[in-house]
């Protein structure tokens, strides 16, 4: 089952080629809270509510009527985070940015730590991954909406990833709702200056959706990432995800995020991105305003499309009270 969130309010459930409104519910977030309260799965909560009218999901996506698959009603309680150097092959692109004189970058050291300890046996704790913060729900962008690069940014590049969504229950328990495509939009030029600028490079918008895959993610996910300029494909490359292509298990990555009590506050929504080994910047491709990022995977539902735009310079004034 796949779920989509309408910007105007309402939830669409898709099973195969049939897409129908879920009866009497305004958002996937509300549906998740309902499922947690009833002690049932998200899919069971949909079935319990029943269905309304059939809809043309592709047309809704093309018309820009779909939002992020899950969004918190208060953006301040929606956290966008992620882990890097988690995929087999992901170190090569990063290592080129951060090589040191000793011949092994900190990025490569971190990657090797994941290879050696990122998939612990049941009951054991694995090595913690690289972790980054993208912002709150203010930075969450829906499919077909523009990805806005700040006026001070040195670059705006795509990162095709898988994101998972978690709602925190009343007792502080994280409940995973499902997975979607994500574009973990970053400033790779800033990051390349010095790896300590990674935190700055990640404070950007990120795009999600259009569909939430309810349940488990396949062990092997195949997709395609491409960039169009004036309608023509100017860069394209396949990407892989899923645990079979990763140096960490999802359980290990989830543990090292939610081990912090800060991230287990009841009612909060977490959208966590799991990294990638594919990005155009590694191929020395330079993006331009107006480029369209396309991320697709048949296993993840409809494709994610977003146009790169550059924000106008804004005056910043800090006042003393």
C-alpha atoms as a PDB file:
ATOM      1  CA  UNK A   1       0.000   0.000   0.000  1.00  0.00           C
ATOM      2  CA  UNK A   2       1.076   3.559  -0.785  1.00  0.00           C
ATOM      3  CA  UNK A   3      -0.262   6.718   0.854  1.00  0.00           C
ATOM      4  CA  UNK A   4      -0.175  10.289  -0.434  1.00  0.00           C
ATOM      5  CA  UNK A   5      -1.034  13.567   1.266  1.00  0.00           C
ATOM      6  CA  UNK A   6      -3.144  16.174  -0.522  1.00  0.00           C
ATOM      7  CA  UNK A   7      -2.089  19.791   0.059  1.00  0.00           C
ATOM      8  CA  UNK A   8      -5.755  20.725   0.353  1.00  0.00           C
ATOM      9  CA  UNK A   9      -6.350  18.084   3.004  1.00  0.00           C
ATOM     10  CA  UNK A  10      -7.132  14.427   2.539  1.00  0.00           C
ATOM     11  CA  UNK A  11      -5.248  11.157   2.144  1.00  0.00           C
ATOM     12  CA  UNK A  12      -5.022   8.974  -0.960  1.00  0.00           C
ATOM     13  CA  UNK A  13      -4.349   5.233  -0.656  1.00  0.00           C
ATOM     14  CA  UNK A  14      -3.066   3.355  -3.689  1.00  0.00           C
ATOM     15  CA  UNK A  15      -3.079  -0.390  -4.177  1.00  0.00           C
ATOM     16  CA  UNK A  16      -1.822  -1.358  -7.622  1.00  0.00           C
ATOM     17  CA  UNK A  17      -3.494   0.889 -10.191  1.00  0.00           C
ATOM     18  CA  UNK A  18      -6.398   1.842  -7.917  1.00  0.00           C
ATOM     19  CA  UNK A  19      -6.122   5.142  -5.992  1.00  0.00           C
ATOM     20  CA  UNK A  20      -8.890   6.142  -3.596  1.00  0.00           C
ATOM     21  CA  UNK A  21      -9.437   8.742  -0.905  1.00  0.00           C
ATOM     22  CA  UNK A  22      -9.332   7.447   2.655  1.00  0.00           C
ATOM     23  CA  UNK A  23     -12.668   8.239   4.254  1.00  0.00           C
ATOM     24  CA  UNK A  24     -12.940  10.968   6.865  1.00  0.00           C
ATOM     25  CA  UNK A  25      -9.272  11.752   7.524  1.00  0.00           C
ATOM     26  CA  UNK A  26      -7.411  14.979   6.722  1.00  0.00           C
ATOM     27  CA  UNK A  27      -3.774  13.908   6.972  1.00  0.00           C
ATOM     28  CA  UNK A  28      -1.420  10.954   7.158  1.00  0.00           C
ATOM     29  CA  UNK A  29      -0.161  12.363  10.467  1.00  0.00           C
ATOM     30  CA  UNK A  30      -3.696  12.188  11.922  1.00  0.00           C
ATOM     31  CA  UNK A  31      -4.089   8.680  10.523  1.00  0.00           C
ATOM     32  CA  UNK A  32      -0.833   7.640  12.218  1.00  0.00           C
ATOM     33  CA  UNK A  33      -1.972   9.042  15.555  1.00  0.00           C
ATOM     34  CA  UNK A  34      -5.227   7.164  15.163  1.00  0.00           C
ATOM     35  CA  UNK A  35      -3.370   3.915  14.417  1.00  0.00           C
ATOM     36  CA  UNK A  36      -1.062   4.348  17.420  1.00  0.00           C
ATOM     37  CA  UNK A  37      -4.009   5.029  19.704  1.00  0.00           C
ATOM     38  CA  UNK A  38      -5.861   1.951  18.470  1.00  0.00           C
ATOM     39  CA  UNK A  39      -2.786  -0.285  18.627  1.00  0.00           C
ATOM     40  CA  UNK A  40      -3.055  -1.179  14.958  1.00  0.00           C
ATOM     41  CA  UNK A  41      -0.915  -0.864  11.855  1.00  0.00           C
ATOM     42  CA  UNK A  42      -1.204   2.073   9.496  1.00  0.00           C
ATOM     43  CA  UNK A  43      -2.613  -0.208   6.788  1.00  0.00           C
ATOM     44  CA  UNK A  44      -5.213  -1.545   9.240  1.00  0.00           C
ATOM     45  CA  UNK A  45      -6.198   2.005  10.174  1.00  0.00           C
ATOM     46  CA  UNK A  46      -6.835   2.750   6.486  1.00  0.00           C
ATOM     47  CA  UNK A  47      -8.964  -0.372   6.088  1.00  0.00           C
ATOM     48  CA  UNK A  48     -10.898   0.476   9.251  1.00  0.00           C
ATOM     49  CA  UNK A  49     -11.803   3.910   7.921  1.00  0.00           C
ATOM     50  CA  UNK A  50     -12.720   2.678   4.483  1.00  0.00           C
ATOM     51  CA  UNK A  51     -12.549   4.464   1.168  1.00  0.00           C
ATOM     52  CA  UNK A  52     -14.165   7.314  -0.680  1.00  0.00           C
ATOM     53  CA  UNK A  53     -13.956   8.369  -4.307  1.00  0.00           C
ATOM     54  CA  UNK A  54     -11.359   7.111  -6.758  1.00  0.00           C
ATOM     55  CA  UNK A  55      -8.834   9.707  -7.953  1.00  0.00           C
ATOM     56  CA  UNK A  56      -6.236  10.077 -10.708  1.00  0.00           C
ATOM     57  CA  UNK A  57      -3.056  10.141  -8.620  1.00  0.00           C
ATOM     58  CA  UNK A  58      -0.761  10.843 -11.580  1.00  0.00           C
ATOM     59  CA  UNK A  59      -2.837  13.873 -12.553  1.00  0.00           C
ATOM     60  CA  UNK A  60      -2.821  15.124  -8.962  1.00  0.00           C
ATOM     61  CA  UNK A  61       0.978  14.829  -8.888  1.00  0.00           C
ATOM     62  CA  UNK A  62       1.401  16.591 -12.238  1.00  0.00           C
ATOM     63  CA  UNK A  63      -0.832  19.425 -11.041  1.00  0.00           C
ATOM     64  CA  UNK A  64       1.310  19.924  -7.922  1.00  0.00           C
ATOM     65  CA  UNK A  65      -1.512  18.961  -5.570  1.00  0.00           C
ATOM     66  CA  UNK A  66       0.461  16.405  -3.535  1.00  0.00           C
ATOM     67  CA  UNK A  67       2.472  17.372  -0.462  1.00  0.00           C
ATOM     68  CA  UNK A  68       5.185  15.552   1.477  1.00  0.00           C
ATOM     69  CA  UNK A  69       3.737  12.133   2.368  1.00  0.00           C
ATOM     70  CA  UNK A  70       3.633  13.081   6.059  1.00  0.00           C
ATOM     71  CA  UNK A  71       3.743  16.571   7.545  1.00  0.00           C
ATOM     72  CA  UNK A  72       3.319  17.726  11.143  1.00  0.00           C
ATOM     73  CA  UNK A  73       0.675  20.441  11.689  1.00  0.00           C
ATOM     74  CA  UNK A  74       3.339  22.436  13.560  1.00  0.00           C
ATOM     75  CA  UNK A  75       6.572  22.662  11.491  1.00  0.00           C
ATOM     76  CA  UNK A  76       8.621  23.158  14.669  1.00  0.00           C
ATOM     77  CA  UNK A  77       7.761  19.583  15.697  1.00  0.00           C
ATOM     78  CA  UNK A  78       8.931  18.026  12.420  1.00  0.00           C
ATOM     79  CA  UNK A  79      12.634  17.147  12.368  1.00  0.00           C
ATOM     80  CA  UNK A  80      14.595  16.522   9.168  1.00  0.00           C
ATOM     81  CA  UNK A  81      17.766  14.509   9.789  1.00  0.00           C
ATOM     82  CA  UNK A  82      19.955  11.959   8.082  1.00  0.00           C
ATOM     83  CA  UNK A  83      22.966   9.704   8.092  1.00  0.00           C
ATOM     84  CA  UNK A  84      25.806   9.688   5.588  1.00  0.00           C
ATOM     85  CA  UNK A  85      28.483   7.250   4.428  1.00  0.00           C
ATOM     86  CA  UNK A  86      25.978   4.427   4.879  1.00  0.00           C
ATOM     87  CA  UNK A  87      25.935   2.954   1.368  1.00  0.00           C
ATOM     88  CA  UNK A  88      28.494   0.695  -0.264  1.00  0.00           C
ATOM     89  CA  UNK A  89      30.443   2.954  -2.590  1.00  0.00           C
ATOM     90  CA  UNK A  90      29.377   6.165  -0.858  1.00  0.00           C
ATOM     91  CA  UNK A  91      32.867   6.861   0.460  1.00  0.00           C
ATOM     92  CA  UNK A  92      34.453   7.329  -2.957  1.00  0.00           C
ATOM     93  CA  UNK A  93      32.654  10.597  -3.762  1.00  0.00           C
ATOM     94  CA  UNK A  94      33.125  11.977  -0.260  1.00  0.00           C
ATOM     95  CA  UNK A  95      36.757  10.862  -0.068  1.00  0.00           C
ATOM     96  CA  UNK A  96      37.549  12.992  -3.111  1.00  0.00           C
ATOM     97  CA  UNK A  97      36.323  16.039  -1.188  1.00  0.00           C
ATOM     98  CA  UNK A  98      38.062  15.348   2.101  1.00  0.00           C
ATOM     99  CA  UNK A  99      41.386  13.619   1.408  1.00  0.00           C
ATOM    100  CA  UNK A 100      44.104  14.382   3.930  1.00  0.00           C
ATOM    101  CA  UNK A 101      47.863  14.201   3.719  1.00  0.00           C
ATOM    102  CA  UNK A 102      47.952  10.847   5.474  1.00  0.00           C
ATOM    103  CA  UNK A 103      46.200   9.227   2.515  1.00  0.00           C
ATOM    104  CA  UNK A 104      42.929   8.384   4.281  1.00  0.00           C
ATOM    105  CA  UNK A 105      40.253  10.997   4.874  1.00  0.00           C
ATOM    106  CA  UNK A 106      38.055  11.159   7.941  1.00  0.00           C
ATOM    107  CA  UNK A 107      35.199  10.245   5.596  1.00  0.00           C
ATOM    108  CA  UNK A 108      36.948   7.042   4.557  1.00  0.00           C
ATOM    109  CA  UNK A 109      37.709   6.199   8.183  1.00  0.00           C
ATOM    110  CA  UNK A 110      34.042   6.665   9.055  1.00  0.00           C
ATOM    111  CA  UNK A 111      32.974   4.526   6.102  1.00  0.00           C
ATOM    112  CA  UNK A 112      35.324   1.710   7.115  1.00  0.00           C
ATOM    113  CA  UNK A 113      33.951   1.852  10.657  1.00  0.00           C
ATOM    114  CA  UNK A 114      30.496   1.257   9.176  1.00  0.00           C
ATOM    115  CA  UNK A 115      31.715  -1.664   7.054  1.00  0.00           C
ATOM    116  CA  UNK A 116      33.253  -3.278  10.130  1.00  0.00           C
ATOM    117  CA  UNK A 117      30.553  -2.495  12.706  1.00  0.00           C
ATOM    118  CA  UNK A 118      27.428  -1.117  11.040  1.00  0.00           C
ATOM    119  CA  UNK A 119      25.536  -4.421  10.908  1.00  0.00           C
ATOM    120  CA  UNK A 120      25.665  -5.767  14.464  1.00  0.00           C
ATOM    121  CA  UNK A 121      24.195  -9.089  15.552  1.00  0.00           C
ATOM    122  CA  UNK A 122      20.799  -9.004  17.307  1.00  0.00           C
ATOM    123  CA  UNK A 123      21.196  -7.691  20.832  1.00  0.00           C
ATOM    124  CA  UNK A 124      24.468  -5.927  20.063  1.00  0.00           C
ATOM    125  CA  UNK A 125      25.048  -2.202  19.464  1.00  0.00           C
ATOM    126  CA  UNK A 126      26.778  -1.289  16.235  1.00  0.00           C
ATOM    127  CA  UNK A 127      29.042   1.634  15.452  1.00  0.00           C
ATOM    128  CA  UNK A 128      27.313   5.001  15.263  1.00  0.00           C
ATOM    129  CA  UNK A 129      27.108   6.610  11.801  1.00  0.00           C
ATOM    130  CA  UNK A 130      27.782  10.106  10.589  1.00  0.00           C
ATOM    131  CA  UNK A 131      24.651  12.130  11.454  1.00  0.00           C
ATOM    132  CA  UNK A 132      23.382  15.469  10.185  1.00  0.00           C
ATOM    133  CA  UNK A 133      20.537  17.902  10.763  1.00  0.00           C
ATOM    134  CA  UNK A 134      18.575  19.422   7.879  1.00  0.00           C
ATOM    135  CA  UNK A 135      16.145  21.576   9.840  1.00  0.00           C
ATOM    136  CA  UNK A 136      12.503  21.534  10.834  1.00  0.00           C
ATOM    137  CA  UNK A 137       9.382  21.104   8.752  1.00  0.00           C
ATOM    138  CA  UNK A 138      10.006  24.616   7.403  1.00  0.00           C
ATOM    139  CA  UNK A 139      12.596  22.989   5.108  1.00  0.00           C
ATOM    140  CA  UNK A 140      10.340  20.142   3.932  1.00  0.00           C
ATOM    141  CA  UNK A 141       9.380  20.510   0.255  1.00  0.00           C
ATOM    142  CA  UNK A 142       6.708  18.532  -1.543  1.00  0.00           C
ATOM    143  CA  UNK A 143       6.925  16.893  -4.971  1.00  0.00           C
ATOM    144  CA  UNK A 144       6.827  19.315  -7.915  1.00  0.00           C
ATOM    145  CA  UNK A 145       7.629  22.277  -5.631  1.00  0.00           C
ATOM    146  CA  UNK A 146      10.831  24.264  -6.093  1.00  0.00           C
ATOM    147  CA  UNK A 147      13.963  23.503  -4.089  1.00  0.00           C
ATOM    148  CA  UNK A 148      15.204  26.900  -2.973  1.00  0.00           C
ATOM    149  CA  UNK A 149      18.958  27.418  -2.731  1.00  0.00           C
ATOM    150  CA  UNK A 150      19.964  30.298  -0.411  1.00  0.00           C
ATOM    151  CA  UNK A 151      21.500  33.412  -1.978  1.00  0.00           C
ATOM    152  CA  UNK A 152      24.759  32.716  -0.088  1.00  0.00           C
ATOM    153  CA  UNK A 153      24.998  29.067  -1.255  1.00  0.00           C
ATOM    154  CA  UNK A 154      27.957  28.029  -3.398  1.00  0.00           C
ATOM    155  CA  UNK A 155      26.115  25.054  -4.889  1.00  0.00           C
ATOM    156  CA  UNK A 156      22.751  23.322  -4.921  1.00  0.00           C
ATOM    157  CA  UNK A 157      22.960  19.640  -5.766  1.00  0.00           C
ATOM    158  CA  UNK A 158      20.695  16.624  -5.544  1.00  0.00           C
ATOM    159  CA  UNK A 159      21.156  13.515  -3.406  1.00  0.00           C
ATOM    160  CA  UNK A 160      18.710  10.679  -4.226  1.00  0.00           C
ATOM    161  CA  UNK A 161      17.849   8.928  -0.972  1.00  0.00           C
ATOM    162  CA  UNK A 162      15.270   6.911   0.896  1.00  0.00           C
ATOM    163  CA  UNK A 163      13.580   8.617   3.853  1.00  0.00           C
ATOM    164  CA  UNK A 164      11.653   7.009   6.700  1.00  0.00           C
ATOM    165  CA  UNK A 165       8.904   8.670   8.746  1.00  0.00           C
ATOM    166  CA  UNK A 166       8.399   8.230  12.485  1.00  0.00           C
ATOM    167  CA  UNK A 167       5.730   9.528  14.864  1.00  0.00           C
ATOM    168  CA  UNK A 168       6.571   9.464  18.566  1.00  0.00           C
ATOM    169  CA  UNK A 169       3.876   7.885  20.709  1.00  0.00           C
ATOM    170  CA  UNK A 170       2.615   9.086  24.088  1.00  0.00           C
ATOM    171  CA  UNK A 171       5.148   6.915  25.955  1.00  0.00           C
ATOM    172  CA  UNK A 172       8.089   8.109  23.860  1.00  0.00           C
ATOM    173  CA  UNK A 173       8.116   5.139  21.484  1.00  0.00           C
ATOM    174  CA  UNK A 174       9.029   5.851  17.824  1.00  0.00           C
ATOM    175  CA  UNK A 175       6.549   4.322  15.359  1.00  0.00           C
ATOM    176  CA  UNK A 176       7.849   3.936  11.804  1.00  0.00           C
ATOM    177  CA  UNK A 177       5.114   4.717   9.266  1.00  0.00           C
ATOM    178  CA  UNK A 178       6.952   3.843   6.065  1.00  0.00           C
ATOM    179  CA  UNK A 179       9.411   5.071   3.454  1.00  0.00           C
ATOM    180  CA  UNK A 180       9.519   7.453   0.501  1.00  0.00           C
ATOM    181  CA  UNK A 181      11.872   8.898  -2.062  1.00  0.00           C
ATOM    182  CA  UNK A 182      13.814  11.965  -0.965  1.00  0.00           C
ATOM    183  CA  UNK A 183      16.084  14.571  -2.489  1.00  0.00           C
ATOM    184  CA  UNK A 184      18.524  15.455   0.292  1.00  0.00           C
ATOM    185  CA  UNK A 185      19.479  18.734  -1.377  1.00  0.00           C
ATOM    186  CA  UNK A 186      22.933  19.969  -0.245  1.00  0.00           C
ATOM    187  CA  UNK A 187      25.728  22.485  -0.909  1.00  0.00           C
ATOM    188  CA  UNK A 188      28.629  20.251  -1.914  1.00  0.00           C
ATOM    189  CA  UNK A 189      30.995  23.097  -2.801  1.00  0.00           C
ATOM    190  CA  UNK A 190      30.745  24.468   0.728  1.00  0.00           C
ATOM    191  CA  UNK A 191      31.284  20.975   2.129  1.00  0.00           C
ATOM    192  CA  UNK A 192      34.351  20.445  -0.037  1.00  0.00           C
ATOM    193  CA  UNK A 193      36.097  23.512   1.420  1.00  0.00           C
ATOM    194  CA  UNK A 194      36.412  21.700   4.742  1.00  0.00           C
ATOM    195  CA  UNK A 195      34.513  18.728   6.131  1.00  0.00           C
ATOM    196  CA  UNK A 196      33.769  20.790   9.243  1.00  0.00           C
ATOM    197  CA  UNK A 197      31.452  22.821   7.000  1.00  0.00           C
ATOM    198  CA  UNK A 198      29.241  19.738   6.539  1.00  0.00           C
ATOM    199  CA  UNK A 199      26.725  21.098   9.070  1.00  0.00           C
ATOM    200  CA  UNK A 200      26.411  24.339   7.070  1.00  0.00           C
ATOM    201  CA  UNK A 201      26.089  22.484   3.761  1.00  0.00           C
ATOM    202  CA  UNK A 202      23.156  20.428   5.048  1.00  0.00           C
ATOM    203  CA  UNK A 203      21.022  23.338   6.318  1.00  0.00           C
ATOM    204  CA  UNK A 204      18.977  23.393   3.138  1.00  0.00           C
ATOM    205  CA  UNK A 205      15.541  22.360   1.977  1.00  0.00           C
ATOM    206  CA  UNK A 206      14.855  18.725   1.132  1.00  0.00           C
ATOM    207  CA  UNK A 207      12.090  17.231  -1.014  1.00  0.00           C
ATOM    208  CA  UNK A 208      10.005  14.149  -0.235  1.00  0.00           C
ATOM    209  CA  UNK A 209       7.442  11.896  -1.864  1.00  0.00           C
ATOM    210  CA  UNK A 210       5.087  11.761  -3.605  1.00  0.00           C
ATOM    211  CA  UNK A 211       4.124   8.403  -2.046  1.00  0.00           C
ATOM    212  CA  UNK A 212       4.712   6.722   1.298  1.00  0.00           C
ATOM    213  CA  UNK A 213       5.460   3.016   1.012  1.00  0.00           C
ATOM    214  CA  UNK A 214       3.676   1.524   4.036  1.00  0.00           C
ATOM    215  CA  UNK A 215       5.509  -1.340   5.706  1.00  0.00           C
ATOM    216  CA  UNK A 216       9.029  -2.670   5.193  1.00  0.00           C
ATOM    217  CA  UNK A 217      11.491  -1.414   2.599  1.00  0.00           C
ATOM    218  CA  UNK A 218      12.806  -4.022   0.133  1.00  0.00           C
ATOM    219  CA  UNK A 219      16.379  -5.129   0.849  1.00  0.00           C
ATOM    220  CA  UNK A 220      17.346  -4.084  -2.684  1.00  0.00           C
ATOM    221  CA  UNK A 221      16.022  -0.828  -4.140  1.00  0.00           C
ATOM    222  CA  UNK A 222      16.949   0.330  -7.642  1.00  0.00           C
ATOM    223  CA  UNK A 223      16.293   3.808  -8.982  1.00  0.00           C
ATOM    224  CA  UNK A 224      17.370   6.500 -11.411  1.00  0.00           C
ATOM    225  CA  UNK A 225      18.483  10.047 -10.678  1.00  0.00           C
ATOM    226  CA  UNK A 226      18.597  12.581 -13.500  1.00  0.00           C
ATOM    227  CA  UNK A 227      18.789  16.302 -14.179  1.00  0.00           C
ATOM    228  CA  UNK A 228      16.952  18.040 -17.010  1.00  0.00           C
ATOM    229  CA  UNK A 229      17.885  21.436 -18.395  1.00  0.00           C
ATOM    230  CA  UNK A 230      15.506  23.092 -20.840  1.00  0.00           C
ATOM    231  CA  UNK A 231      13.755  19.739 -21.173  1.00  0.00           C
ATOM    232  CA  UNK A 232      16.877  17.768 -22.134  1.00  0.00           C
ATOM    233  CA  UNK A 233      18.610  15.217 -19.903  1.00  0.00           C
ATOM    234  CA  UNK A 234      22.041  16.641 -19.026  1.00  0.00           C
ATOM    235  CA  UNK A 235      23.024  14.138 -16.325  1.00  0.00           C
ATOM    236  CA  UNK A 236      21.680  10.713 -15.398  1.00  0.00           C
ATOM    237  CA  UNK A 237      22.805   7.840 -13.198  1.00  0.00           C
ATOM    238  CA  UNK A 238      21.242   4.819 -11.471  1.00  0.00           C
ATOM    239  CA  UNK A 239      21.282   4.549  -7.687  1.00  0.00           C
ATOM    240  CA  UNK A 240      20.883   1.691  -5.239  1.00  0.00           C
ATOM    241  CA  UNK A 241      19.502   1.573  -1.715  1.00  0.00           C
ATOM    242  CA  UNK A 242      18.114  -0.932   0.764  1.00  0.00           C
ATOM    243  CA  UNK A 243      20.096  -2.867   3.352  1.00  0.00           C
ATOM    244  CA  UNK A 244      21.669  -5.170   0.738  1.00  0.00           C
ATOM    245  CA  UNK A 245      23.487  -2.096  -0.606  1.00  0.00           C
ATOM    246  CA  UNK A 246      24.322  -0.497   2.733  1.00  0.00           C
ATOM    247  CA  UNK A 247      27.082  -0.766   5.329  1.00  0.00           C
ATOM    248  CA  UNK A 248      24.601  -0.270   8.186  1.00  0.00           C
ATOM    249  CA  UNK A 249      21.296  -1.892   9.084  1.00  0.00           C
ATOM    250  CA  UNK A 250      18.249   0.337   9.416  1.00  0.00           C
ATOM    251  CA  UNK A 251      17.930  -0.879  13.001  1.00  0.00           C
ATOM    252  CA  UNK A 252      21.430   0.386  13.798  1.00  0.00           C
ATOM    253  CA  UNK A 253      20.813   3.772  12.159  1.00  0.00           C
ATOM    254  CA  UNK A 254      17.475   4.128  13.931  1.00  0.00           C
ATOM    255  CA  UNK A 255      18.980   3.217  17.302  1.00  0.00           C
ATOM    256  CA  UNK A 256      21.690   5.855  17.039  1.00  0.00           C
ATOM    257  CA  UNK A 257      19.117   8.520  16.177  1.00  0.00           C
ATOM    258  CA  UNK A 258      16.446   7.684  18.727  1.00  0.00           C
ATOM    259  CA  UNK A 259      18.840   6.885  21.569  1.00  0.00           C
ATOM    260  CA  UNK A 260      18.661  10.613  22.309  1.00  0.00           C
ATOM    261  CA  UNK A 261      15.706  11.506  24.525  1.00  0.00           C
ATOM    262  CA  UNK A 262      15.417  14.779  22.607  1.00  0.00           C
ATOM    263  CA  UNK A 263      14.153  12.766  19.644  1.00  0.00           C
ATOM    264  CA  UNK A 264      11.551  10.795  21.588  1.00  0.00           C
ATOM    265  CA  UNK A 265       9.169  13.582  22.535  1.00  0.00           C
ATOM    266  CA  UNK A 266       5.505  12.543  22.207  1.00  0.00           C
ATOM    267  CA  UNK A 267       3.753  13.812  19.099  1.00  0.00           C
ATOM    268  CA  UNK A 268       6.899  14.794  17.204  1.00  0.00           C
ATOM    269  CA  UNK A 269       7.438  13.718  13.604  1.00  0.00           C
ATOM    270  CA  UNK A 270      10.882  12.640  12.378  1.00  0.00           C
ATOM    271  CA  UNK A 271      11.863  12.319   8.731  1.00  0.00           C
ATOM    272  CA  UNK A 272      15.218  10.558   8.544  1.00  0.00           C
ATOM    273  CA  UNK A 273      17.235  10.150   5.348  1.00  0.00           C
ATOM    274  CA  UNK A 274      19.563   7.172   4.983  1.00  0.00           C
ATOM    275  CA  UNK A 275      22.250   8.385   2.578  1.00  0.00           C
ATOM    276  CA  UNK A 276      23.298   7.692  -0.990  1.00  0.00           C
ATOM    277  CA  UNK A 277      26.276   6.678  -3.093  1.00  0.00           C
ATOM    278  CA  UNK A 278      25.168   8.677  -6.160  1.00  0.00           C
ATOM    279  CA  UNK A 279      25.295  12.411  -6.824  1.00  0.00           C
ATOM    280  CA  UNK A 280      26.016  14.558  -9.872  1.00  0.00           C
ATOM    281  CA  UNK A 281      28.622  16.633  -8.015  1.00  0.00           C
ATOM    282  CA  UNK A 282      30.887  13.574  -7.877  1.00  0.00           C
ATOM    283  CA  UNK A 283      30.862  13.651 -11.701  1.00  0.00           C
ATOM    284  CA  UNK A 284      31.866  17.335 -11.628  1.00  0.00           C
ATOM    285  CA  UNK A 285      28.432  18.380 -12.897  1.00  0.00           C
ATOM    286  CA  UNK A 286      27.480  21.961 -12.057  1.00  0.00           C
ATOM    287  CA  UNK A 287      23.782  22.621 -11.507  1.00  0.00           C
ATOM    288  CA  UNK A 288      22.041  25.816 -12.636  1.00  0.00           C
ATOM    289  CA  UNK A 289      18.890  27.609 -11.607  1.00  0.00           C
ATOM    290  CA  UNK A 290      15.990  26.130 -13.544  1.00  0.00           C
ATOM    291  CA  UNK A 291      17.418  22.585 -13.608  1.00  0.00           C
ATOM    292  CA  UNK A 292      14.834  19.916 -12.818  1.00  0.00           C
ATOM    293  CA  UNK A 293      15.822  17.065 -10.500  1.00  0.00           C
ATOM    294  CA  UNK A 294      14.063  13.743 -11.141  1.00  0.00           C
ATOM    295  CA  UNK A 295      14.361  10.773  -8.776  1.00  0.00           C
ATOM    296  CA  UNK A 296      12.525   7.582  -9.672  1.00  0.00           C
ATOM    297  CA  UNK A 297      12.182   4.026  -8.407  1.00  0.00           C
ATOM    298  CA  UNK A 298       9.375   1.717  -9.409  1.00  0.00           C
ATOM    299  CA  UNK A 299       9.488   0.168  -5.944  1.00  0.00           C
ATOM    300  CA  UNK A 300       8.811   3.542  -4.295  1.00  0.00           C
ATOM    301  CA  UNK A 301       5.788   4.675  -6.283  1.00  0.00           C
ATOM    302  CA  UNK A 302       5.544   7.842  -8.345  1.00  0.00           C
ATOM    303  CA  UNK A 303       8.730   9.782  -9.098  1.00  0.00           C
ATOM    304  CA  UNK A 304       9.940  12.902  -7.275  1.00  0.00           C
ATOM    305  CA  UNK A 305      10.476  16.048  -9.372  1.00  0.00           C
ATOM    306  CA  UNK A 306      11.684  19.457  -8.199  1.00  0.00           C
ATOM    307  CA  UNK A 307      13.066  22.552  -9.893  1.00  0.00           C
ATOM    308  CA  UNK A 308      16.170  24.303  -8.586  1.00  0.00           C
ATOM    309  CA  UNK A 309      15.614  27.967  -7.767  1.00  0.00           C
ATOM    310  CA  UNK A 310      17.906  30.495  -6.147  1.00  0.00           C
ATOM    311  CA  UNK A 311      16.610  32.728  -3.384  1.00  0.00           C
ATOM    312  CA  UNK A 312      16.956  36.476  -3.622  1.00  0.00           C
ATOM    313  CA  UNK A 313      19.446  38.019  -1.246  1.00  0.00           C
ATOM    314  CA  UNK A 314      17.723  39.088   1.954  1.00  0.00           C
ATOM    315  CA  UNK A 315      18.922  41.748   4.357  1.00  0.00           C
ATOM    316  CA  UNK A 316      19.731  40.412   7.804  1.00  0.00           C
ATOM    317  CA  UNK A 317      19.477  42.756  10.756  1.00  0.00           C
ATOM    318  CA  UNK A 318      20.071  41.662  14.332  1.00  0.00           C
ATOM    319  CA  UNK A 319      18.680  43.961  16.990  1.00  0.00           C
ATOM    320  CA  UNK A 320      19.415  44.297  20.669  1.00  0.00           C
ATOM    321  CA  UNK A 321      16.514  44.404  23.089  1.00  0.00           C
END
